[in-house]
Amino acid sequence: MYYHASQTGGIQTLLPRVSNHKIPLVYFSTKRENTLVYLSNAIEKYCLETGYPHSGPWKKWGSYGFTKDGVLRLEEYYPNATKETYEGVSGYLYGVEALADAKPLADIPFAVSSEHPVNVQSCEFIPDAYAAILAAAAQGKILLERYETLRAQKLAWIRDTIRQEYRNCAQNGDYRHFLLGKFPFLQQEAPARPQQ
């Protein structure tokens, strides 16, 4: 079975969309729990909640990786990140039994893509993405690394990485707004925000 997550209900056919790989694709995972992290985008959610004016596609935020065994490792780069991103967010996991043109993604375990529209065969409603992630973590299907448990070396890496990301994202106003809001140390280091 192949799974695809969306906040949009009632989809009958999944259409290819341009994303990180710059070509229109439909993305799937052979692990249901791995798709839960795609039910919400922290940048989009924060910008909408704070009234940030934005048009066009949203920058994607994905603070996750995988263990050596291929278990999705969801990392919190700031306190309460998982709860703030997913609590109260509902969505749908769409299922497909077979894909004729499934191409594995080299950088994401258990993930495949399709260049063609794909007819949906099943749909599971997820009433609360945070509760679903916690349930998957309790079953050992997701490793949730809370901010409070991160070691000093990891915290230093996050700080350095976020500084670099902020310097490199001058053209992404939504991303800059998110970074300034979630990483307060940037506000002391960054020039004043332009007026909206």
C-alpha atoms as a PDB file:
ATOM      1  CA  MET A   1       0.000   0.000   0.000  1.00  0.00           C
ATOM      2  CA  TYR A   2       1.170   3.536  -0.775  1.00  0.00           C
ATOM      3  CA  TYR A   3       0.051   6.491   1.369  1.00  0.00           C
ATOM      4  CA  HIS A   4      -0.291  10.204   0.661  1.00  0.00           C
ATOM      5  CA  ALA A   5      -1.272  12.910   3.189  1.00  0.00           C
ATOM      6  CA  SER A   6      -3.391  15.987   2.526  1.00  0.00           C
ATOM      7  CA  GLN A   7      -5.527  18.467   4.457  1.00  0.00           C
ATOM      8  CA  THR A   8      -7.959  18.408   1.544  1.00  0.00           C
ATOM      9  CA  GLY A   9     -10.864  15.976   1.743  1.00  0.00           C
ATOM     10  CA  GLY A  10     -12.752  14.314  -1.072  1.00  0.00           C
ATOM     11  CA  ILE A  11      -9.835  13.815  -3.436  1.00  0.00           C
ATOM     12  CA  GLN A  12     -10.556  11.160  -6.048  1.00  0.00           C
ATOM     13  CA  THR A  13      -7.396  11.621  -8.124  1.00  0.00           C
ATOM     14  CA  LEU A  14      -4.027  12.782  -6.779  1.00  0.00           C
ATOM     15  CA  LEU A  15      -2.422  15.163  -9.256  1.00  0.00           C
ATOM     16  CA  PRO A  16       1.313  15.823  -9.649  1.00  0.00           C
ATOM     17  CA  ARG A  17       2.442  19.083  -8.003  1.00  0.00           C
ATOM     18  CA  VAL A  18       5.766  20.922  -8.062  1.00  0.00           C
ATOM     19  CA  SER A  19       7.639  20.570  -4.776  1.00  0.00           C
ATOM     20  CA  ASN A  20      11.242  20.249  -3.603  1.00  0.00           C
ATOM     21  CA  HIS A  21      12.332  18.273  -6.651  1.00  0.00           C
ATOM     22  CA  LYS A  22      11.201  21.080  -9.023  1.00  0.00           C
ATOM     23  CA  ILE A  23       9.147  18.811 -11.265  1.00  0.00           C
ATOM     24  CA  PRO A  24       5.464  17.861 -10.921  1.00  0.00           C
ATOM     25  CA  LEU A  25       5.202  14.670  -8.858  1.00  0.00           C
ATOM     26  CA  VAL A  26       2.822  12.907  -6.483  1.00  0.00           C
ATOM     27  CA  TYR A  27       4.624  11.686  -3.366  1.00  0.00           C
ATOM     28  CA  PHE A  28       3.836   8.526  -1.390  1.00  0.00           C
ATOM     29  CA  SER A  29       5.265   6.432   1.415  1.00  0.00           C
ATOM     30  CA  THR A  30       4.928   2.727   1.934  1.00  0.00           C
ATOM     31  CA  LYS A  31       4.757   3.467   5.677  1.00  0.00           C
ATOM     32  CA  ARG A  32       1.471   5.027   6.782  1.00  0.00           C
ATOM     33  CA  GLU A  33       3.000   6.705   9.844  1.00  0.00           C
ATOM     34  CA  ASN A  34       5.635   8.485   7.752  1.00  0.00           C
ATOM     35  CA  THR A  35       2.948  10.502   5.980  1.00  0.00           C
ATOM     36  CA  LEU A  36       1.556  11.974   9.229  1.00  0.00           C
ATOM     37  CA  VAL A  37       4.256  14.679   9.291  1.00  0.00           C
ATOM     38  CA  TYR A  38       2.911  16.043   5.996  1.00  0.00           C
ATOM     39  CA  LEU A  39      -0.501  16.916   7.444  1.00  0.00           C
ATOM     40  CA  SER A  40       0.785  20.310   8.591  1.00  0.00           C
ATOM     41  CA  ASN A  41       3.520  22.741   7.583  1.00  0.00           C
ATOM     42  CA  ALA A  42       4.896  24.689  10.561  1.00  0.00           C
ATOM     43  CA  ILE A  43       5.733  27.750   8.439  1.00  0.00           C
ATOM     44  CA  GLU A  44       2.305  28.015   6.824  1.00  0.00           C
ATOM     45  CA  LYS A  45       0.508  27.398  10.131  1.00  0.00           C
ATOM     46  CA  TYR A  46       2.540  30.016  12.022  1.00  0.00           C
ATOM     47  CA  CYS A  47       2.155  32.636   9.284  1.00  0.00           C
ATOM     48  CA  LEU A  48      -1.609  32.116   9.076  1.00  0.00           C
ATOM     49  CA  GLU A  49      -1.979  32.261  12.875  1.00  0.00           C
ATOM     50  CA  THR A  50       0.029  35.499  13.085  1.00  0.00           C
ATOM     51  CA  GLY A  51      -1.696  37.159  10.131  1.00  0.00           C
ATOM     52  CA  TYR A  52       1.373  37.290   7.918  1.00  0.00           C
ATOM     53  CA  PRO A  53       0.317  38.384   4.403  1.00  0.00           C
ATOM     54  CA  HIS A  54       1.563  35.897   1.835  1.00  0.00           C
ATOM     55  CA  SER A  55       0.696  34.768  -1.670  1.00  0.00           C
ATOM     56  CA  GLY A  56       2.145  31.923  -3.641  1.00  0.00           C
ATOM     57  CA  PRO A  57       3.549  28.612  -2.444  1.00  0.00           C
ATOM     58  CA  TRP A  58       4.621  28.239   1.178  1.00  0.00           C
ATOM     59  CA  LYS A  59       8.175  27.337   2.104  1.00  0.00           C
ATOM     60  CA  LYS A  60       8.199  23.792   3.528  1.00  0.00           C
ATOM     61  CA  TRP A  61       9.520  22.946   7.003  1.00  0.00           C
ATOM     62  CA  GLY A  62      10.518  19.384   7.773  1.00  0.00           C
ATOM     63  CA  SER A  63      12.660  18.822  10.862  1.00  0.00           C
ATOM     64  CA  TYR A  64      12.823  15.093  10.486  1.00  0.00           C
ATOM     65  CA  GLY A  65      15.238  12.400   9.444  1.00  0.00           C
ATOM     66  CA  PHE A  66      15.467   8.646   9.787  1.00  0.00           C
ATOM     67  CA  THR A  67      17.200   6.225  12.116  1.00  0.00           C
ATOM     68  CA  LYS A  68      19.559   3.570  10.740  1.00  0.00           C
ATOM     69  CA  ASP A  69      16.582   1.197  10.834  1.00  0.00           C
ATOM     70  CA  GLY A  70      14.492   3.574   8.703  1.00  0.00           C
ATOM     71  CA  VAL A  71      12.211   4.802  11.503  1.00  0.00           C
ATOM     72  CA  LEU A  72      11.117   8.411  10.999  1.00  0.00           C
ATOM     73  CA  ARG A  73      12.816  10.646  13.602  1.00  0.00           C
ATOM     74  CA  LEU A  74      10.816  13.829  14.204  1.00  0.00           C
ATOM     75  CA  GLU A  75      13.058  16.441  15.848  1.00  0.00           C
ATOM     76  CA  GLU A  76      11.886  19.516  17.719  1.00  0.00           C
ATOM     77  CA  TYR A  77      14.122  22.471  16.887  1.00  0.00           C
ATOM     78  CA  TYR A  78      12.257  24.724  19.338  1.00  0.00           C
ATOM     79  CA  PRO A  79      10.131  24.023  22.446  1.00  0.00           C
ATOM     80  CA  ASN A  80       6.712  22.424  21.815  1.00  0.00           C
ATOM     81  CA  ALA A  81       7.333  22.355  18.062  1.00  0.00           C
ATOM     82  CA  THR A  82       5.387  19.153  17.437  1.00  0.00           C
ATOM     83  CA  LYS A  83       2.366  20.211  19.459  1.00  0.00           C
ATOM     84  CA  GLU A  84       2.296  23.717  17.938  1.00  0.00           C
ATOM     85  CA  THR A  85       2.562  22.328  14.409  1.00  0.00           C
ATOM     86  CA  TYR A  86       0.130  19.411  14.571  1.00  0.00           C
ATOM     87  CA  GLU A  87      -2.332  19.771  17.459  1.00  0.00           C
ATOM     88  CA  GLY A  88      -5.859  20.395  16.215  1.00  0.00           C
ATOM     89  CA  VAL A  89      -4.888  19.834  12.576  1.00  0.00           C
ATOM     90  CA  SER A  90      -7.053  17.338  10.740  1.00  0.00           C
ATOM     91  CA  GLY A  91      -6.394  15.737   7.417  1.00  0.00           C
ATOM     92  CA  TYR A  92      -6.618  12.661   5.241  1.00  0.00           C
ATOM     93  CA  LEU A  93      -4.361   9.764   4.401  1.00  0.00           C
ATOM     94  CA  TYR A  94      -5.088   8.560   0.887  1.00  0.00           C
ATOM     95  CA  GLY A  95      -4.184   5.028  -0.091  1.00  0.00           C
ATOM     96  CA  VAL A  96      -3.234   3.399  -3.358  1.00  0.00           C
ATOM     97  CA  GLU A  97      -2.588  -0.324  -3.701  1.00  0.00           C
ATOM     98  CA  ALA A  98      -0.273  -0.191  -6.701  1.00  0.00           C
ATOM     99  CA  LEU A  99       1.709   2.371  -8.681  1.00  0.00           C
ATOM    100  CA  ALA A 100       2.835   1.484 -12.189  1.00  0.00           C
ATOM    101  CA  ASP A 101       5.550   4.141 -12.302  1.00  0.00           C
ATOM    102  CA  ALA A 102       6.675   4.301  -8.635  1.00  0.00           C
ATOM    103  CA  LYS A 103      10.171   5.758  -8.438  1.00  0.00           C
ATOM    104  CA  PRO A 104      12.017   5.541  -5.101  1.00  0.00           C
ATOM    105  CA  LEU A 105      13.317   8.813  -3.653  1.00  0.00           C
ATOM    106  CA  ALA A 106      17.003   8.414  -2.849  1.00  0.00           C
ATOM    107  CA  ASP A 107      16.927  10.843   0.095  1.00  0.00           C
ATOM    108  CA  ILE A 108      13.753   9.622   1.865  1.00  0.00           C
ATOM    109  CA  PRO A 109      13.410   5.970   2.955  1.00  0.00           C
ATOM    110  CA  PHE A 110      10.175   4.197   1.964  1.00  0.00           C
ATOM    111  CA  ALA A 111       9.157   7.163  -0.236  1.00  0.00           C
ATOM    112  CA  VAL A 112       8.266   6.965  -3.894  1.00  0.00           C
ATOM    113  CA  SER A 113       6.937   9.367  -6.485  1.00  0.00           C
ATOM    114  CA  SER A 114       4.749   9.202  -9.546  1.00  0.00           C
ATOM    115  CA  GLU A 115       4.762  11.561 -12.515  1.00  0.00           C
ATOM    116  CA  HIS A 116       1.150  10.764 -13.397  1.00  0.00           C
ATOM    117  CA  PRO A 117      -2.242  11.363 -11.814  1.00  0.00           C
ATOM    118  CA  VAL A 118      -3.130   8.543  -9.422  1.00  0.00           C
ATOM    119  CA  ASN A 119      -6.671   7.375  -8.614  1.00  0.00           C
ATOM    120  CA  VAL A 120      -7.372   7.104  -4.878  1.00  0.00           C
ATOM    121  CA  GLN A 121      -8.478   3.710  -3.569  1.00  0.00           C
ATOM    122  CA  SER A 122      -8.911   4.429   0.145  1.00  0.00           C
ATOM    123  CA  CYS A 123      -9.129   7.392   2.491  1.00  0.00           C
ATOM    124  CA  GLU A 124      -8.574   7.600   6.251  1.00  0.00           C
ATOM    125  CA  PHE A 125      -9.648  10.725   8.137  1.00  0.00           C
ATOM    126  CA  ILE A 126      -7.159  11.872  10.808  1.00  0.00           C
ATOM    127  CA  PRO A 127      -9.054  14.112  13.278  1.00  0.00           C
ATOM    128  CA  ASP A 128      -5.911  15.314  15.088  1.00  0.00           C
ATOM    129  CA  ALA A 129      -2.454  14.917  13.545  1.00  0.00           C
ATOM    130  CA  TYR A 130      -0.718  15.466  16.901  1.00  0.00           C
ATOM    131  CA  ALA A 131      -2.665  12.621  18.547  1.00  0.00           C
ATOM    132  CA  ALA A 132      -1.873  10.368  15.568  1.00  0.00           C
ATOM    133  CA  ILE A 133       1.850  11.197  15.787  1.00  0.00           C
ATOM    134  CA  LEU A 134       1.872  10.518  19.538  1.00  0.00           C
ATOM    135  CA  ALA A 135       0.119   7.168  18.952  1.00  0.00           C
ATOM    136  CA  ALA A 136       2.677   6.195  16.286  1.00  0.00           C
ATOM    137  CA  ALA A 137       5.504   7.233  18.639  1.00  0.00           C
ATOM    138  CA  ALA A 138       4.022   5.112  21.457  1.00  0.00           C
ATOM    139  CA  GLN A 139       4.049   2.126  19.066  1.00  0.00           C
ATOM    140  CA  GLY A 140       7.693   2.763  18.118  1.00  0.00           C
ATOM    141  CA  LYS A 141       6.767   3.675  14.541  1.00  0.00           C
ATOM    142  CA  ILE A 142       8.010   7.258  14.927  1.00  0.00           C
ATOM    143  CA  LEU A 143      10.852   8.472  17.141  1.00  0.00           C
ATOM    144  CA  LEU A 144       9.875  11.836  18.636  1.00  0.00           C
ATOM    145  CA  GLU A 145      12.876  13.819  19.897  1.00  0.00           C
ATOM    146  CA  ARG A 146      11.594  16.543  22.212  1.00  0.00           C
ATOM    147  CA  TYR A 147      13.487  19.827  22.366  1.00  0.00           C
ATOM    148  CA  GLU A 148      14.037  19.446  26.116  1.00  0.00           C
ATOM    149  CA  THR A 149      15.935  16.170  25.607  1.00  0.00           C
ATOM    150  CA  LEU A 150      18.393  17.442  22.988  1.00  0.00           C
ATOM    151  CA  ARG A 151      22.061  17.524  23.913  1.00  0.00           C
ATOM    152  CA  ALA A 152      24.144  20.693  23.924  1.00  0.00           C
ATOM    153  CA  GLN A 153      25.915  19.685  20.709  1.00  0.00           C
ATOM    154  CA  LYS A 154      22.592  19.285  18.866  1.00  0.00           C
ATOM    155  CA  LEU A 155      21.293  22.599  20.247  1.00  0.00           C
ATOM    156  CA  ALA A 156      24.455  24.336  19.021  1.00  0.00           C
ATOM    157  CA  TRP A 157      24.004  22.733  15.600  1.00  0.00           C
ATOM    158  CA  ILE A 158      20.377  23.940  15.467  1.00  0.00           C
ATOM    159  CA  ARG A 159      21.419  27.476  16.402  1.00  0.00           C
ATOM    160  CA  ASP A 160      24.164  27.574  13.745  1.00  0.00           C
ATOM    161  CA  THR A 161      21.898  26.031  11.111  1.00  0.00           C
ATOM    162  CA  ILE A 162      19.046  28.446  11.814  1.00  0.00           C
ATOM    163  CA  ARG A 163      21.425  31.424  11.620  1.00  0.00           C
ATOM    164  CA  GLN A 164      22.623  30.203   8.218  1.00  0.00           C
ATOM    165  CA  GLU A 165      19.068  29.523   7.033  1.00  0.00           C
ATOM    166  CA  TYR A 166      18.042  33.053   8.043  1.00  0.00           C
ATOM    167  CA  ARG A 167      20.981  34.589   6.161  1.00  0.00           C
ATOM    168  CA  ASN A 168      20.120  32.557   3.056  1.00  0.00           C
ATOM    169  CA  CYS A 169      16.367  33.167   2.910  1.00  0.00           C
ATOM    170  CA  ALA A 170      16.131  36.864   2.042  1.00  0.00           C
ATOM    171  CA  GLN A 171      13.697  36.068  -0.791  1.00  0.00           C
ATOM    172  CA  ASN A 172      11.374  33.937   1.374  1.00  0.00           C
ATOM    173  CA  GLY A 173       9.386  36.353   3.539  1.00  0.00           C
ATOM    174  CA  ASP A 174       7.201  33.607   5.000  1.00  0.00           C
ATOM    175  CA  TYR A 175      10.259  31.611   6.052  1.00  0.00           C
ATOM    176  CA  ARG A 176      11.996  34.664   7.578  1.00  0.00           C
ATOM    177  CA  HIS A 177       8.830  35.534   9.510  1.00  0.00           C
ATOM    178  CA  PHE A 178       8.642  31.974  10.858  1.00  0.00           C
ATOM    179  CA  LEU A 179      12.326  31.839  11.819  1.00  0.00           C
ATOM    180  CA  LEU A 180      12.157  35.185  13.641  1.00  0.00           C
ATOM    181  CA  GLY A 181       9.048  34.081  15.507  1.00  0.00           C
ATOM    182  CA  LYS A 182      10.282  30.637  16.559  1.00  0.00           C
ATOM    183  CA  PHE A 183      13.953  31.398  17.231  1.00  0.00           C
ATOM    184  CA  PRO A 184      14.080  34.522  19.431  1.00  0.00           C
ATOM    185  CA  PHE A 185      17.894  34.740  19.341  1.00  0.00           C
ATOM    186  CA  LEU A 186      17.581  35.842  15.699  1.00  0.00           C
ATOM    187  CA  GLN A 187      15.706  38.972  16.737  1.00  0.00           C
ATOM    188  CA  GLN A 188      18.761  40.187  18.646  1.00  0.00           C
ATOM    189  CA  GLU A 189      21.025  39.405  15.689  1.00  0.00           C
ATOM    190  CA  ALA A 190      18.787  40.431  12.772  1.00  0.00           C
ATOM    191  CA  PRO A 191      18.123  43.928  11.491  1.00  0.00           C
ATOM    192  CA  ALA A 192      14.660  45.344  12.159  1.00  0.00           C
ATOM    193  CA  ARG A 193      11.815  43.734  10.203  1.00  0.00           C
ATOM    194  CA  PRO A 194      10.521  45.738   7.277  1.00  0.00           C
ATOM    195  CA  GLN A 195       7.020  47.121   7.727  1.00  0.00           C
ATOM    196  CA  GLN A 196       4.292  45.040   6.060  1.00  0.00           C
END
